[in-house]
Amino acid sequence: MTTGLILAAVASSSFGIVITLTRVAYNGGVSAGAAMEIRYLVATAVMITILLARNRGLRPPPALYGPLIRVALTNMAVSFGYMTSILFIPVSLATVVFYTYPLMVIAAAPMVHGQRLGWRQFGAFGLAFAGLALALGPSIEGLDWRGVALALMAAVSAATVFMISPKVVRSYHALGVTLYSNLIGACIIPLFLPILGGFVLPETSAGWLGLSGLCIFYVGAILSMFAALLAAGAVPTSLIFNLEPVVAIAAAAILLGERLMPVQMGGVALVIGALMLASLRRPRT
């Protein structure tokens, strides 16, 4: 269990660092299109290597072609929205908006799974909305609505992935779904390069470090997450993943010099508190 929790912490921290390193890469001259395409290609190559080393077939059952494409397109919307939102708003604010997606999953539970919401969930929604108001409020006049809209699109897409992917994973396997999500993304992103700044590589050493780092931490986060789920289980892993937005905001402060006002930090704390409250499970009786 301890090993699993450590792996979960590594995974959540790695995911949190990725978005900050993406901004570092942009500052070094990398275009959003190049960052997405290279990340997809690196992840695809790693997943193929692992599956071949494990003697796992690369071809999914024909019945899963449609579901895999839907998961891949939704995952691509997550990457597109989150990775472009930071072109318009600070990483820390994009992070706060994006990490409302677990609450969206919970809100959709009555419609998707027929589950009833309890006081914890309603309390979490109230905390999250109050937190967003505090985090975004002080800078609302100078806030670019495009960044907020893109981060919100990414959040809605992430919530959708969580709702549609479990059935596909049960029918295939997690590494295979991850492989095709990245492979399909790598095939489609070139179509969007004209609106993603083209395919521009770094102009500075910092840009190369940012680009290399976001690919390494992204792949490392995926592999650590799968290992954590196997070693610790879904519930402990999901609780540890509340570290992700904290790490993202801390990394933005350290690497980018972003600073939030005290009232905004209070808003961030409320959103994180909402995530923790929503992830609590009822005690067994």
Protein backbone atom coordinates (compact mmCIF):
# COMPACT_ATOMS: atom_id res chain seq x y z
CA MET A 1 0.00 0.00 0.00
CA THR A 2 2.82 2.43 0.91
CA THR A 3 4.48 1.86 -2.46
CA GLY A 4 1.16 2.47 -4.19
CA LEU A 5 0.62 5.75 -2.37
CA ILE A 6 4.14 6.89 -3.26
CA LEU A 7 3.48 6.04 -6.90
CA ALA A 8 0.19 7.96 -6.73
CA ALA A 9 2.04 10.99 -5.34
CA VAL A 10 4.62 10.72 -8.12
CA ALA A 11 1.90 10.47 -10.75
CA SER A 12 -0.18 13.38 -9.43
CA SER A 13 2.91 15.57 -9.01
CA SER A 14 4.09 14.72 -12.52
CA PHE A 15 0.71 15.59 -14.05
CA GLY A 16 0.77 18.85 -12.09
CA ILE A 17 4.22 19.79 -13.38
CA VAL A 18 3.35 19.09 -17.03
CA ILE A 19 1.18 22.17 -17.55
CA THR A 20 3.82 24.49 -16.05
CA LEU A 21 6.55 22.96 -18.23
CA THR A 22 4.25 23.49 -21.21
CA ARG A 23 4.22 27.23 -20.44
CA VAL A 24 8.03 27.14 -20.07
CA ALA A 25 8.22 25.57 -23.53
CA TYR A 26 5.91 28.24 -24.98
CA ASN A 27 8.08 30.95 -23.46
CA GLY A 28 11.04 29.32 -25.22
CA GLY A 29 9.41 29.65 -28.62
CA VAL A 30 7.57 26.32 -28.95
CA SER A 31 4.19 26.49 -30.64
CA ALA A 32 1.18 24.82 -29.03
CA GLY A 33 0.85 22.57 -32.07
CA ALA A 34 4.42 21.32 -31.79
CA ALA A 35 4.11 20.73 -28.04
CA MET A 36 0.95 18.64 -28.48
CA GLU A 37 2.21 16.68 -31.48
CA ILE A 38 5.59 15.81 -29.96
CA ARG A 39 3.99 14.81 -26.65
CA TYR A 40 1.57 12.53 -28.49
CA LEU A 41 4.37 10.95 -30.56
CA VAL A 42 6.61 10.32 -27.54
CA ALA A 43 3.77 8.77 -25.54
CA THR A 44 2.75 6.62 -28.51
CA ALA A 45 6.30 5.31 -28.96
CA VAL A 46 6.63 4.46 -25.26
CA MET A 47 3.26 2.68 -25.11
CA ILE A 48 4.06 0.61 -28.22
CA THR A 49 7.43 -0.37 -26.73
CA ILE A 50 5.88 -1.46 -23.45
CA LEU A 51 3.08 -3.45 -25.10
CA LEU A 52 5.52 -5.23 -27.44
CA ALA A 53 7.84 -6.01 -24.51
CA ARG A 54 4.88 -7.58 -22.71
CA ASN A 55 3.85 -9.52 -25.83
CA ARG A 56 0.51 -7.74 -25.86
CA GLY A 57 -1.21 -7.37 -29.20
CA LEU A 58 -1.48 -3.87 -30.61
CA ARG A 59 -4.66 -4.43 -32.59
CA PRO A 60 -7.87 -3.85 -30.61
CA PRO A 61 -11.06 -5.82 -31.23
CA PRO A 62 -12.99 -4.34 -34.20
CA ALA A 63 -15.99 -3.74 -31.95
CA LEU A 64 -13.92 -1.22 -29.97
CA TYR A 65 -12.83 0.93 -32.93
CA GLY A 66 -15.70 3.37 -32.45
CA PRO A 67 -15.42 3.64 -28.64
CA LEU A 68 -11.62 4.07 -28.86
CA ILE A 69 -12.02 6.89 -31.36
CA ARG A 70 -14.58 8.61 -29.12
CA VAL A 71 -12.29 8.36 -26.09
CA ALA A 72 -9.32 9.60 -28.14
CA LEU A 73 -11.21 12.59 -29.52
CA THR A 74 -12.46 13.54 -26.08
CA ASN A 75 -8.96 13.18 -24.66
CA MET A 76 -7.69 15.39 -27.45
CA ALA A 77 -10.22 18.04 -26.46
CA VAL A 78 -8.79 17.90 -22.92
CA SER A 79 -5.25 18.49 -24.18
CA PHE A 80 -6.32 21.12 -26.69
CA GLY A 81 -8.31 23.11 -24.15
CA TYR A 82 -5.90 22.91 -21.23
CA MET A 83 -2.68 23.39 -23.20
CA THR A 84 -4.03 26.39 -25.13
CA SER A 85 -5.80 28.03 -22.17
CA ILE A 86 -2.42 29.01 -20.71
CA LEU A 87 -1.72 31.08 -23.81
CA PHE A 88 -4.37 33.50 -22.52
CA ILE A 89 -4.49 33.19 -18.73
CA PRO A 90 -1.94 32.29 -16.02
CA VAL A 91 -1.24 28.61 -15.37
CA SER A 92 -2.51 28.87 -11.79
CA LEU A 93 -5.93 30.21 -12.82
CA ALA A 94 -6.26 27.72 -15.68
CA THR A 95 -5.49 24.99 -13.15
CA VAL A 96 -8.23 26.12 -10.77
CA VAL A 97 -10.83 26.09 -13.56
CA PHE A 98 -9.67 22.78 -15.02
CA TYR A 99 -9.65 20.88 -11.73
CA THR A 100 -13.36 21.35 -11.27
CA TYR A 101 -13.81 18.34 -13.57
CA PRO A 102 -14.08 15.76 -10.74
CA LEU A 103 -17.05 17.72 -9.43
CA MET A 104 -18.60 17.62 -12.90
CA VAL A 105 -18.26 13.84 -12.87
CA ILE A 106 -20.06 13.71 -9.52
CA ALA A 107 -22.76 16.13 -10.71
CA ALA A 108 -23.45 13.89 -13.70
CA ALA A 109 -23.65 10.72 -11.59
CA PRO A 110 -27.46 10.86 -11.06
CA MET A 111 -28.04 11.03 -14.82
CA VAL A 112 -25.30 8.60 -15.91
CA HIS A 113 -25.29 6.04 -13.10
CA GLY A 114 -28.52 6.76 -11.23
CA GLN A 115 -26.59 7.62 -8.06
CA ARG A 116 -28.05 10.04 -5.52
CA LEU A 117 -25.97 12.95 -4.31
CA GLY A 118 -25.35 13.34 -0.58
CA TRP A 119 -24.52 16.28 1.64
CA ARG A 120 -20.81 15.92 0.94
CA GLN A 121 -21.33 16.38 -2.78
CA PHE A 122 -23.63 19.39 -2.38
CA GLY A 123 -21.20 20.90 0.10
CA ALA A 124 -18.34 20.32 -2.34
CA PHE A 125 -20.23 22.14 -5.11
CA GLY A 126 -20.80 25.13 -2.85
CA LEU A 127 -17.15 25.27 -1.83
CA ALA A 128 -15.99 24.95 -5.43
CA PHE A 129 -18.20 27.75 -6.75
CA ALA A 130 -17.14 30.02 -3.88
CA GLY A 131 -13.51 29.14 -4.54
CA LEU A 132 -13.78 29.89 -8.25
CA ALA A 133 -15.41 33.24 -7.49
CA LEU A 134 -12.57 34.17 -5.14
CA ALA A 135 -9.82 32.87 -7.44
CA LEU A 136 -11.09 34.56 -10.61
CA GLY A 137 -12.85 37.59 -9.14
CA PRO A 138 -9.91 39.94 -8.38
CA SER A 139 -8.56 39.67 -11.94
CA ILE A 140 -11.86 39.32 -13.79
CA GLU A 141 -11.52 42.64 -15.64
CA GLY A 142 -8.14 41.76 -17.11
CA LEU A 143 -8.93 38.09 -17.61
CA ASP A 144 -9.04 36.86 -21.20
CA TRP A 145 -12.33 35.02 -21.60
CA ARG A 146 -10.75 32.71 -24.19
CA GLY A 147 -8.45 31.20 -21.59
CA VAL A 148 -11.29 30.61 -19.15
CA ALA A 149 -13.47 29.10 -21.90
CA LEU A 150 -10.68 26.77 -23.06
CA ALA A 151 -9.91 25.61 -19.50
CA LEU A 152 -13.63 25.03 -18.94
CA MET A 153 -13.83 23.06 -22.21
CA ALA A 154 -10.93 20.94 -21.02
CA ALA A 155 -12.69 20.32 -17.69
CA VAL A 156 -15.94 19.25 -19.36
CA SER A 157 -13.99 16.99 -21.73
CA ALA A 158 -12.03 15.43 -18.85
CA ALA A 159 -15.27 14.72 -17.00
CA THR A 160 -16.63 13.10 -20.16
CA VAL A 161 -13.52 10.91 -20.49
CA PHE A 162 -14.01 9.68 -16.92
CA MET A 163 -17.59 8.71 -17.74
CA ILE A 164 -17.04 6.98 -21.10
CA SER A 165 -13.60 5.36 -20.74
CA PRO A 166 -14.14 2.74 -17.95
CA LYS A 167 -16.26 0.52 -20.20
CA VAL A 168 -13.62 0.66 -22.94
CA VAL A 169 -10.80 -0.10 -20.48
CA ARG A 170 -12.71 -3.12 -19.14
CA SER A 171 -13.18 -4.42 -22.69
CA TYR A 172 -9.57 -3.83 -23.75
CA HIS A 173 -6.79 -2.65 -21.36
CA ALA A 174 -5.58 0.67 -19.99
CA LEU A 175 -2.26 0.78 -21.86
CA GLY A 176 -4.00 -0.01 -25.14
CA VAL A 177 -6.56 2.75 -24.62
CA THR A 178 -3.74 5.16 -23.76
CA LEU A 179 -1.81 4.09 -26.87
CA TYR A 180 -4.69 4.75 -29.23
CA SER A 181 -5.68 7.99 -27.51
CA ASN A 182 -2.18 9.32 -28.19
CA LEU A 183 -1.83 7.75 -31.64
CA ILE A 184 -5.14 9.16 -32.88
CA GLY A 185 -4.26 12.53 -31.36
CA ALA A 186 -0.92 12.49 -33.18
CA CYS A 187 -2.74 11.83 -36.47
CA ILE A 188 -5.32 14.58 -35.99
CA ILE A 189 -3.33 17.46 -34.44
CA PRO A 190 -1.52 18.24 -37.75
CA LEU A 191 -4.90 19.26 -39.17
CA PHE A 192 -5.11 21.97 -36.51
CA LEU A 193 -1.55 23.27 -36.81
CA PRO A 194 -2.64 26.44 -38.68
CA ILE A 195 -4.62 27.58 -35.60
CA LEU A 196 -2.05 26.23 -33.12
CA GLY A 197 0.86 28.36 -34.30
CA GLY A 198 2.22 25.83 -36.77
CA PHE A 199 4.98 23.36 -35.93
CA VAL A 200 7.61 25.56 -34.31
CA LEU A 201 10.46 24.08 -32.28
CA PRO A 202 12.18 25.78 -29.33
CA GLU A 203 14.42 28.78 -29.87
CA THR A 204 16.14 28.62 -26.46
CA SER A 205 17.66 25.99 -24.19
CA ALA A 206 14.88 26.68 -21.67
CA GLY A 207 12.36 25.93 -24.39
CA TRP A 208 14.01 22.58 -25.12
CA LEU A 209 14.06 21.75 -21.41
CA GLY A 210 10.39 22.62 -21.12
CA LEU A 211 9.46 20.54 -24.16
CA SER A 212 11.56 17.56 -23.05
CA GLY A 213 10.27 17.83 -19.50
CA LEU A 214 6.59 17.95 -20.41
CA CYS A 215 6.98 14.78 -22.51
CA ILE A 216 8.97 12.92 -19.84
CA PHE A 217 6.69 13.90 -16.97
CA TYR A 218 3.55 13.17 -19.01
CA VAL A 219 4.64 9.62 -19.83
CA GLY A 220 5.97 9.10 -16.31
CA ALA A 221 2.68 10.29 -14.85
CA ILE A 222 0.66 7.82 -16.94
CA LEU A 223 2.85 4.84 -16.04
CA SER A 224 2.98 5.80 -12.34
CA MET A 225 -0.79 6.20 -12.27
CA PHE A 226 -1.39 2.70 -13.65
CA ALA A 227 1.14 1.23 -11.19
CA ALA A 228 -0.49 3.12 -8.30
CA LEU A 229 -3.95 1.83 -9.22
CA LEU A 230 -2.63 -1.74 -9.19
CA ALA A 231 -0.70 -1.33 -5.94
CA ALA A 232 -3.05 0.85 -3.87
CA GLY A 233 -6.47 0.73 -5.53
CA ALA A 234 -8.72 3.42 -6.97
CA VAL A 235 -9.93 5.13 -3.77
CA PRO A 236 -6.54 5.84 -2.12
CA THR A 237 -5.10 6.85 -5.49
CA SER A 238 -7.93 9.31 -6.15
CA LEU A 239 -7.39 10.92 -2.75
CA ILE A 240 -3.66 11.39 -3.39
CA PHE A 241 -4.46 12.92 -6.79
CA ASN A 242 -5.81 15.98 -4.97
CA LEU A 243 -2.13 16.97 -4.83
CA GLU A 244 -2.16 17.62 -8.58
CA PRO A 245 -3.54 21.19 -8.63
CA VAL A 246 -1.40 22.11 -5.60
CA VAL A 247 1.75 20.98 -7.41
CA ALA A 248 0.71 22.76 -10.62
CA ILE A 249 0.20 26.08 -8.82
CA ALA A 250 3.41 25.69 -6.78
CA ALA A 251 5.39 24.86 -9.94
CA ALA A 252 3.94 27.93 -11.68
CA ALA A 253 5.08 30.09 -8.78
CA ILE A 254 8.59 28.59 -8.78
CA LEU A 255 9.26 28.26 -12.51
CA LEU A 256 7.15 31.10 -13.91
CA GLY A 257 7.07 33.57 -11.04
CA GLU A 258 3.27 33.58 -10.98
CA ARG A 259 1.78 35.05 -7.83
CA LEU A 260 -1.80 34.91 -6.64
CA MET A 261 -3.35 37.46 -4.30
CA PRO A 262 -4.19 36.18 -0.79
CA VAL A 263 -7.89 36.14 -1.61
CA GLN A 264 -7.17 34.08 -4.73
CA MET A 265 -5.09 31.64 -2.70
CA GLY A 266 -8.09 31.33 -0.41
CA GLY A 267 -10.20 30.49 -3.45
CA VAL A 268 -7.71 27.83 -4.54
CA ALA A 269 -7.82 26.32 -1.05
CA LEU A 270 -11.63 26.16 -1.22
CA VAL A 271 -11.56 24.38 -4.58
CA ILE A 272 -9.00 21.85 -3.32
CA GLY A 273 -11.07 21.40 -0.16
CA ALA A 274 -14.11 20.75 -2.36
CA LEU A 275 -12.21 18.06 -4.26
CA MET A 276 -11.17 16.36 -1.03
CA LEU A 277 -14.69 16.55 0.41
CA ALA A 278 -16.21 15.14 -2.76
CA SER A 279 -13.71 12.25 -2.88
CA LEU A 280 -14.53 11.05 0.65
CA ARG A 281 -16.37 7.76 0.80
CA ARG A 282 -19.14 7.00 3.21
CA PRO A 283 -17.96 4.83 6.10
CA ARG A 284 -19.15 1.26 5.96
CA THR A 285 -21.67 0.21 8.56
